[in-house]
Amino acid sequence: MRYKSKPIEVEAALFDGQSIPEFARDRAAISEDGHSLVVQSHEGERLCSVGDYLVLTDGGQLLVRDGPLFETLFELIF
């Protein structure tokens, strides 16, 4: 059998190494090295590097996703 992903919309922000998106501020902090974020997600503590995306799902889950993979799966709608 073959499957196709259901279309979903998420809120997301590319981490540029400068700022934490508002939707992630209560669950993310700049790491000790100052070049990444330590993110508390439902998957456990995750490291978000420059070029990764912080993703907030409709269910309120905060995820860290690799930049190239995210850009393959999602397109900007607004």
N, C-alpha and C. Protein backbone atom coordinates (compact mmCIF):
# COMPACT_ATOMS: atom_id res chain seq x y z
N MET A 1 0.83 -1.18 0.00
CA MET A 1 0.00 0.00 0.00
C MET A 1 0.88 1.24 0.00
N ARG A 2 0.35 2.31 -0.54
CA ARG A 2 1.07 3.59 -0.56
C ARG A 2 0.28 4.59 0.28
N TYR A 3 1.01 5.51 0.90
CA TYR A 3 0.40 6.54 1.75
C TYR A 3 0.87 7.92 1.33
N LYS A 4 0.03 8.89 1.57
CA LYS A 4 0.35 10.29 1.30
C LYS A 4 0.12 11.07 2.58
N SER A 5 1.00 12.01 2.88
CA SER A 5 0.83 12.84 4.07
C SER A 5 -0.42 13.69 3.94
N LYS A 6 -1.09 13.86 5.07
CA LYS A 6 -2.22 14.77 5.10
C LYS A 6 -1.67 16.20 5.10
N PRO A 7 -2.34 17.10 4.43
CA PRO A 7 -1.86 18.48 4.46
C PRO A 7 -2.07 19.08 5.85
N ILE A 8 -1.02 19.63 6.40
CA ILE A 8 -1.10 20.28 7.70
C ILE A 8 -0.42 21.63 7.62
N GLU A 9 -0.81 22.51 8.51
CA GLU A 9 -0.15 23.80 8.63
C GLU A 9 0.44 23.90 10.03
N VAL A 10 1.65 24.42 10.11
CA VAL A 10 2.32 24.60 11.39
C VAL A 10 2.88 26.01 11.47
N GLU A 11 3.09 26.48 12.68
CA GLU A 11 3.82 27.72 12.87
C GLU A 11 5.28 27.33 13.02
N ALA A 12 6.17 28.02 12.32
CA ALA A 12 7.58 27.66 12.37
C ALA A 12 8.44 28.90 12.18
N ALA A 13 9.68 28.78 12.67
CA ALA A 13 10.64 29.88 12.52
C ALA A 13 12.02 29.30 12.35
N LEU A 14 12.76 29.84 11.40
CA LEU A 14 14.14 29.45 11.18
C LEU A 14 14.99 30.08 12.28
N PHE A 15 15.80 29.26 12.98
CA PHE A 15 16.66 29.80 14.02
C PHE A 15 17.89 30.40 13.37
N ASP A 16 18.08 31.70 13.59
CA ASP A 16 19.16 32.45 12.97
C ASP A 16 20.34 32.69 13.90
N GLY A 17 20.26 32.15 15.11
CA GLY A 17 21.32 32.34 16.08
C GLY A 17 21.21 33.62 16.86
N GLN A 18 20.19 34.44 16.56
CA GLN A 18 20.04 35.74 17.20
C GLN A 18 18.89 35.82 18.19
N SER A 19 17.77 35.24 17.83
CA SER A 19 16.58 35.43 18.67
C SER A 19 15.75 34.15 18.77
N ILE A 20 14.97 34.09 19.84
CA ILE A 20 14.05 32.98 20.06
C ILE A 20 12.66 33.44 19.65
N PRO A 21 11.98 32.68 18.78
CA PRO A 21 10.62 33.08 18.39
C PRO A 21 9.71 33.15 19.61
N GLU A 22 8.76 34.06 19.57
CA GLU A 22 7.86 34.26 20.71
C GLU A 22 7.18 32.97 21.13
N PHE A 23 6.73 32.15 20.17
CA PHE A 23 6.00 30.93 20.53
C PHE A 23 6.86 29.89 21.25
N ALA A 24 8.18 30.08 21.26
CA ALA A 24 9.08 29.11 21.89
C ALA A 24 9.77 29.64 23.14
N ARG A 25 9.55 30.89 23.48
CA ARG A 25 10.33 31.53 24.55
C ARG A 25 10.19 30.86 25.90
N ASP A 26 9.04 30.27 26.20
CA ASP A 26 8.87 29.64 27.51
C ASP A 26 9.47 28.23 27.56
N ARG A 27 9.93 27.70 26.41
CA ARG A 27 10.49 26.35 26.38
C ARG A 27 11.86 26.26 25.71
N ALA A 28 12.52 27.40 25.51
CA ALA A 28 13.83 27.40 24.87
C ALA A 28 14.73 28.45 25.51
N ALA A 29 16.02 28.15 25.54
CA ALA A 29 17.01 29.08 26.10
C ALA A 29 18.29 28.98 25.28
N ILE A 30 19.03 30.08 25.22
CA ILE A 30 20.32 30.07 24.54
C ILE A 30 21.25 29.11 25.27
N SER A 31 21.96 28.28 24.52
CA SER A 31 22.88 27.31 25.12
C SER A 31 24.11 28.01 25.69
N GLU A 32 24.89 27.27 26.46
CA GLU A 32 26.09 27.84 27.08
C GLU A 32 27.07 28.37 26.05
N ASP A 33 27.16 27.72 24.89
CA ASP A 33 28.11 28.19 23.87
C ASP A 33 27.60 29.42 23.12
N GLY A 34 26.31 29.75 23.29
CA GLY A 34 25.73 30.93 22.67
C GLY A 34 25.40 30.80 21.20
N HIS A 35 25.57 29.61 20.63
CA HIS A 35 25.35 29.43 19.20
C HIS A 35 24.16 28.54 18.86
N SER A 36 23.46 28.07 19.88
CA SER A 36 22.33 27.20 19.65
C SER A 36 21.32 27.39 20.77
N LEU A 37 20.18 26.72 20.64
CA LEU A 37 19.14 26.76 21.66
C LEU A 37 18.99 25.39 22.29
N VAL A 38 18.69 25.39 23.57
CA VAL A 38 18.29 24.17 24.26
C VAL A 38 16.77 24.25 24.36
N VAL A 39 16.09 23.27 23.76
CA VAL A 39 14.63 23.30 23.65
C VAL A 39 14.04 22.15 24.44
N GLN A 40 13.04 22.47 25.27
CA GLN A 40 12.29 21.45 26.00
C GLN A 40 11.09 21.07 25.13
N SER A 41 11.14 19.87 24.56
CA SER A 41 10.06 19.43 23.67
C SER A 41 9.44 18.16 24.23
N HIS A 42 8.35 17.71 23.62
CA HIS A 42 7.74 16.45 24.06
C HIS A 42 8.67 15.27 23.75
N GLU A 43 9.67 15.50 22.89
CA GLU A 43 10.66 14.47 22.56
C GLU A 43 11.82 14.49 23.55
N GLY A 44 11.77 15.38 24.54
CA GLY A 44 12.86 15.54 25.49
C GLY A 44 13.65 16.79 25.16
N GLU A 45 14.80 16.95 25.81
CA GLU A 45 15.64 18.12 25.56
C GLU A 45 16.32 17.99 24.21
N ARG A 46 16.15 19.00 23.36
CA ARG A 46 16.71 18.97 22.01
C ARG A 46 17.57 20.20 21.81
N LEU A 47 18.57 20.06 20.96
CA LEU A 47 19.44 21.17 20.60
C LEU A 47 19.01 21.70 19.24
N CYS A 48 18.80 23.01 19.14
CA CYS A 48 18.41 23.65 17.89
C CYS A 48 19.59 24.50 17.43
N SER A 49 20.19 24.13 16.31
CA SER A 49 21.34 24.84 15.77
C SER A 49 20.90 25.88 14.75
N VAL A 50 21.79 26.81 14.43
CA VAL A 50 21.50 27.79 13.40
C VAL A 50 21.16 27.04 12.11
N GLY A 51 20.06 27.43 11.47
CA GLY A 51 19.61 26.77 10.25
C GLY A 51 18.53 25.73 10.48
N ASP A 52 18.31 25.36 11.74
CA ASP A 52 17.20 24.45 12.07
C ASP A 52 15.93 25.27 12.24
N TYR A 53 14.79 24.59 12.21
CA TYR A 53 13.50 25.23 12.42
C TYR A 53 12.91 24.82 13.75
N LEU A 54 12.32 25.79 14.43
CA LEU A 54 11.47 25.52 15.59
C LEU A 54 10.05 25.45 15.05
N VAL A 55 9.33 24.39 15.39
CA VAL A 55 8.01 24.15 14.85
C VAL A 55 7.02 24.00 15.99
N LEU A 56 5.90 24.72 15.92
CA LEU A 56 4.83 24.60 16.89
C LEU A 56 3.64 23.95 16.19
N THR A 57 3.24 22.78 16.65
CA THR A 57 2.13 22.07 16.02
C THR A 57 0.80 22.61 16.53
N ASP A 58 -0.27 22.24 15.85
CA ASP A 58 -1.62 22.64 16.29
C ASP A 58 -1.92 22.10 17.67
N GLY A 59 -1.30 20.98 18.03
CA GLY A 59 -1.49 20.39 19.35
C GLY A 59 -0.63 21.01 20.44
N GLY A 60 0.15 22.04 20.08
CA GLY A 60 0.97 22.73 21.05
C GLY A 60 2.34 22.11 21.29
N GLN A 61 2.71 21.11 20.50
CA GLN A 61 4.02 20.50 20.66
C GLN A 61 5.09 21.37 20.00
N LEU A 62 6.21 21.53 20.68
CA LEU A 62 7.33 22.28 20.13
C LEU A 62 8.36 21.29 19.64
N LEU A 63 8.72 21.39 18.37
CA LEU A 63 9.65 20.45 17.74
C LEU A 63 10.84 21.19 17.17
N VAL A 64 11.95 20.49 17.03
CA VAL A 64 13.13 21.00 16.34
C VAL A 64 13.29 20.14 15.09
N ARG A 65 13.38 20.78 13.93
CA ARG A 65 13.53 20.05 12.67
C ARG A 65 14.70 20.61 11.87
N ASP A 66 15.46 19.71 11.29
CA ASP A 66 16.58 20.05 10.42
C ASP A 66 16.10 20.94 9.28
N GLY A 67 16.84 22.01 9.00
CA GLY A 67 16.44 22.97 7.98
C GLY A 67 16.13 22.39 6.62
N PRO A 68 17.08 21.66 5.99
CA PRO A 68 16.79 21.11 4.66
C PRO A 68 15.60 20.14 4.64
N LEU A 69 15.45 19.33 5.69
CA LEU A 69 14.30 18.42 5.73
C LEU A 69 13.00 19.20 5.85
N PHE A 70 12.97 20.19 6.74
CA PHE A 70 11.77 21.02 6.90
C PHE A 70 11.40 21.67 5.57
N GLU A 71 12.38 22.24 4.88
CA GLU A 71 12.11 22.94 3.63
C GLU A 71 11.66 21.99 2.52
N THR A 72 11.99 20.72 2.63
CA THR A 72 11.50 19.73 1.68
C THR A 72 10.04 19.40 1.94
N LEU A 73 9.66 19.38 3.21
CA LEU A 73 8.30 18.97 3.59
C LEU A 73 7.29 20.09 3.61
N PHE A 74 7.74 21.34 3.84
CA PHE A 74 6.82 22.46 4.00
C PHE A 74 7.16 23.59 3.05
N GLU A 75 6.12 24.36 2.70
CA GLU A 75 6.33 25.58 1.93
C GLU A 75 5.67 26.73 2.66
N LEU A 76 6.25 27.90 2.56
CA LEU A 76 5.73 29.10 3.20
C LEU A 76 4.41 29.50 2.57
N ILE A 77 3.38 29.72 3.40
CA ILE A 77 2.07 30.12 2.86
C ILE A 77 1.74 31.57 3.19
N PHE A 78 2.34 32.15 4.20
CA PHE A 78 2.19 33.59 4.51
C PHE A 78 3.19 34.00 5.54
